[in-house]
Amino acid sequence: MANYAIISASHRDGAQSLRLAQELNTRFFEGGADVVDLFKADLPLWNGEREANDQVKEVQDKITQADGLVFVVPEWHGMAPAGLKNLFLWCNHPQLAHKPALLVAVSGSVGGAFVVAELRGSGYKNSRLLWLPEHLILRDASELWQGKGRESDEYLEKRAHYAVEQLKTYTEALAPQREALTAGLEDFPNGMS
């Protein structure tokens, strides 16, 4: 059976991203995914010189153990949070390479698309993370899945189910091949640009 990690990429206390990460875990992973909260993890800023501390090692271990990943990423001022970019510096190809990942953008209003474009353009190069072709954009986040019976809640429930099922299919197919797919990364640790 595959293991999953859901990364709540907000480093803000009380974030909708964390609430939605927990909702996704409950609704689509029967509570069995490991939720990584970047606010709680409070990773130090990577500077290329410091050693990984206990918080970093704990997050690296959780991501290493996962076969498939979900990144729940808020859009702040049209960008992904700096904490997520910091995570990609601490967790590189040893933790992420050739693992399928579902990108879930979160917006408090009608945004979210910039996060998808940004991470598809820069979130894979050295990590070798495999973004699924499908992604989700969860808009009006504070109102979503709050038991209000909104039509958009029902649509996004179905759409999220569809996307998570794709993630599970990719994960089951790729997990047995990961060792072979990552065999050359010691010789070629950085992606070409």
Protein backbone atom coordinates (compact mmCIF):
# COMPACT_ATOMS: atom_id res chain seq x y z
CA MET A 1 0.00 0.00 0.00
CA ALA A 2 1.33 3.43 -0.94
CA ASN A 3 2.17 6.14 1.57
CA TYR A 4 1.14 9.76 1.01
CA ALA A 5 2.20 13.10 2.47
CA ILE A 6 0.18 16.29 2.20
CA ILE A 7 2.28 19.43 2.58
CA SER A 8 0.49 22.52 3.85
CA ALA A 9 2.78 25.15 2.37
CA SER A 10 1.55 28.08 4.42
CA HIS A 11 3.84 29.26 7.18
CA ARG A 12 1.03 31.30 8.70
CA ASP A 13 -0.75 30.26 11.91
CA GLY A 14 -4.38 29.22 11.46
CA ALA A 15 -3.99 28.90 7.68
CA GLN A 16 -6.81 27.85 5.38
CA SER A 17 -4.18 25.78 3.57
CA LEU A 18 -3.75 23.60 6.65
CA ARG A 19 -7.51 23.26 7.10
CA LEU A 20 -7.89 22.25 3.46
CA ALA A 21 -4.92 19.84 3.68
CA GLN A 22 -6.67 18.16 6.61
CA GLU A 23 -9.96 18.12 4.66
CA LEU A 24 -8.25 16.45 1.71
CA ASN A 25 -6.70 13.89 4.05
CA THR A 26 -10.05 13.08 5.67
CA ARG A 27 -12.11 13.08 2.47
CA PHE A 28 -9.75 11.28 0.08
CA PHE A 29 -7.08 9.45 2.11
CA GLU A 30 -9.28 8.23 4.99
CA GLY A 31 -7.03 10.21 7.35
CA GLY A 32 -4.05 8.02 6.44
CA ALA A 33 -1.79 10.60 4.79
CA ASP A 34 0.92 12.33 6.78
CA VAL A 35 0.13 16.06 6.92
CA VAL A 36 3.26 18.24 7.00
CA ASP A 37 2.47 21.73 8.31
CA LEU A 38 5.19 24.21 7.31
CA PHE A 39 4.01 26.64 9.99
CA LYS A 40 4.51 24.06 12.73
CA ALA A 41 7.73 22.73 11.18
CA ASP A 42 9.24 26.24 11.23
CA LEU A 43 12.18 25.24 9.04
CA PRO A 44 15.28 27.44 9.28
CA LEU A 45 16.20 29.43 6.21
CA TRP A 46 18.45 27.31 3.99
CA ASN A 47 21.73 29.07 3.28
CA GLY A 48 23.77 26.28 1.73
CA GLU A 49 25.97 25.91 4.78
CA ARG A 50 23.86 24.94 7.77
CA GLU A 51 23.27 21.37 8.76
CA ALA A 52 19.74 20.03 8.88
CA ASN A 53 18.30 20.43 12.37
CA ASP A 54 15.70 18.13 13.99
CA GLN A 55 12.75 19.95 12.36
CA VAL A 56 14.32 19.63 8.92
CA LYS A 57 15.16 15.96 9.46
CA GLU A 58 11.61 15.22 10.62
CA VAL A 59 10.13 16.82 7.49
CA GLN A 60 12.70 15.12 5.24
CA ASP A 61 11.84 11.74 6.81
CA LYS A 62 8.10 12.22 6.32
CA ILE A 63 8.57 13.19 2.69
CA THR A 64 11.08 10.40 2.08
CA GLN A 65 8.59 7.83 3.38
CA ALA A 66 5.84 9.07 1.05
CA ASP A 67 5.32 7.47 -2.36
CA GLY A 68 3.00 10.24 -3.54
CA LEU A 69 2.62 13.88 -2.50
CA VAL A 70 0.00 16.61 -2.36
CA PHE A 71 1.17 20.21 -2.09
CA VAL A 72 -1.50 22.59 -0.76
CA VAL A 73 -0.10 26.00 -1.63
CA PRO A 74 -1.63 29.41 -0.87
CA GLU A 75 -1.18 32.22 -3.36
CA TRP A 76 0.33 35.19 -1.56
CA HIS A 77 0.58 38.34 -3.68
CA GLY A 78 0.54 36.18 -6.83
CA MET A 79 3.35 33.92 -5.58
CA ALA A 80 4.03 30.71 -3.70
CA PRO A 81 5.14 31.30 -0.09
CA ALA A 82 8.86 31.59 0.57
CA GLY A 83 8.60 28.69 3.04
CA LEU A 84 7.74 26.30 0.22
CA LYS A 85 10.76 27.41 -1.81
CA ASN A 86 12.82 26.91 1.36
CA LEU A 87 11.38 23.38 1.67
CA PHE A 88 12.50 22.62 -1.89
CA LEU A 89 16.03 23.62 -0.90
CA TRP A 90 16.02 21.36 2.18
CA CYS A 91 14.22 18.49 0.43
CA ASN A 92 15.72 17.78 -2.94
CA HIS A 93 16.01 14.74 -5.17
CA PRO A 94 16.75 12.23 -2.37
CA GLN A 95 13.30 12.97 -0.92
CA LEU A 96 11.31 14.04 -3.99
CA ALA A 97 12.70 12.57 -7.22
CA HIS A 98 10.28 10.67 -9.40
CA LYS A 99 7.42 10.95 -6.95
CA PRO A 100 4.07 12.03 -8.38
CA ALA A 101 2.69 15.20 -6.83
CA LEU A 102 -0.72 16.83 -7.00
CA LEU A 103 -0.56 20.62 -6.91
CA VAL A 104 -3.45 22.26 -5.02
CA ALA A 105 -3.48 26.07 -5.16
CA VAL A 106 -5.44 27.94 -2.49
CA SER A 107 -6.84 31.45 -2.75
CA GLY A 108 -8.85 33.52 -0.32
CA SER A 109 -10.61 35.08 -3.30
CA VAL A 110 -10.44 34.24 -7.02
CA GLY A 111 -6.67 33.73 -7.50
CA GLY A 112 -4.51 30.63 -7.46
CA ALA A 113 -3.44 30.29 -11.08
CA PHE A 114 -0.11 32.10 -10.56
CA VAL A 115 0.99 29.53 -7.97
CA VAL A 116 0.30 26.72 -10.42
CA ALA A 117 2.33 28.42 -13.18
CA GLU A 118 5.18 29.31 -10.82
CA LEU A 119 5.59 25.83 -9.36
CA ARG A 120 5.24 24.06 -12.67
CA GLY A 121 8.03 26.31 -13.94
CA SER A 122 10.41 26.10 -11.00
CA GLY A 123 9.40 23.45 -8.49
CA TYR A 124 10.85 20.42 -10.25
CA LYS A 125 14.31 21.17 -11.69
CA ASN A 126 16.68 19.75 -9.10
CA SER A 127 14.07 17.91 -7.06
CA ARG A 128 12.90 15.90 -10.09
CA LEU A 129 9.40 16.08 -8.61
CA LEU A 130 6.72 14.90 -11.04
CA TRP A 131 3.77 17.29 -11.08
CA LEU A 132 0.62 15.58 -12.33
CA PRO A 133 -0.98 17.03 -15.46
CA GLU A 134 -4.09 17.63 -13.31
CA HIS A 135 -4.12 20.27 -10.56
CA LEU A 136 -6.72 21.89 -8.33
CA ILE A 137 -7.41 25.54 -7.56
CA LEU A 138 -9.46 25.98 -4.38
CA ARG A 139 -10.83 29.52 -4.42
CA ASP A 140 -12.79 31.37 -1.75
CA ALA A 141 -10.96 29.08 0.67
CA SER A 142 -12.53 30.21 3.94
CA GLU A 143 -15.99 29.23 2.65
CA LEU A 144 -15.03 25.92 1.01
CA TRP A 145 -16.25 22.68 2.60
CA GLN A 146 -17.77 24.38 5.62
CA GLY A 147 -21.04 22.42 5.45
CA LYS A 148 -23.00 25.19 3.75
CA GLY A 149 -24.16 23.01 0.84
CA ARG A 150 -22.78 25.34 -1.81
CA GLU A 151 -22.86 24.14 -5.41
CA SER A 152 -19.14 24.89 -5.76
CA ASP A 153 -18.41 22.64 -2.77
CA GLU A 154 -20.04 19.71 -4.52
CA TYR A 155 -18.22 20.41 -7.79
CA LEU A 156 -14.84 20.74 -6.06
CA GLU A 157 -15.47 17.56 -4.07
CA LYS A 158 -15.93 15.66 -7.35
CA ARG A 159 -13.02 17.42 -9.04
CA ALA A 160 -10.72 16.75 -6.07
CA HIS A 161 -11.75 13.09 -6.04
CA TYR A 162 -10.86 12.85 -9.73
CA ALA A 163 -7.44 14.48 -9.16
CA VAL A 164 -6.61 12.37 -6.10
CA GLU A 165 -7.54 9.18 -7.95
CA GLN A 166 -5.09 10.21 -10.68
CA LEU A 167 -2.41 10.74 -8.03
CA LYS A 168 -3.08 7.29 -6.59
CA THR A 169 -2.86 5.68 -10.03
CA TYR A 170 0.44 7.42 -10.84
CA THR A 171 1.80 6.55 -7.39
CA GLU A 172 0.96 2.85 -7.66
CA ALA A 173 2.56 2.72 -11.12
CA LEU A 174 5.74 4.64 -10.28
CA ALA A 175 6.58 3.51 -6.73
CA PRO A 176 8.02 0.14 -7.83
CA GLN A 177 10.17 1.90 -10.46
CA ARG A 178 11.58 4.68 -8.26
CA GLU A 179 14.89 2.96 -7.52
CA ALA A 180 15.59 2.47 -11.23
CA LEU A 181 14.45 6.02 -12.07
CA THR A 182 16.73 7.60 -9.47
CA ALA A 183 19.81 5.45 -10.18
CA GLY A 184 21.73 8.14 -12.11
CA LEU A 185 21.08 11.07 -9.78
CA GLU A 186 24.37 10.73 -7.92
CA ASP A 187 26.17 11.47 -11.22
CA PHE A 188 23.63 14.12 -12.33
CA PRO A 189 22.14 15.68 -9.18
CA ASN A 190 21.10 18.96 -10.82
CA GLY A 191 18.64 19.41 -13.63
CA MET A 192 19.75 21.16 -16.81
CA SER A 193 18.70 24.72 -17.43
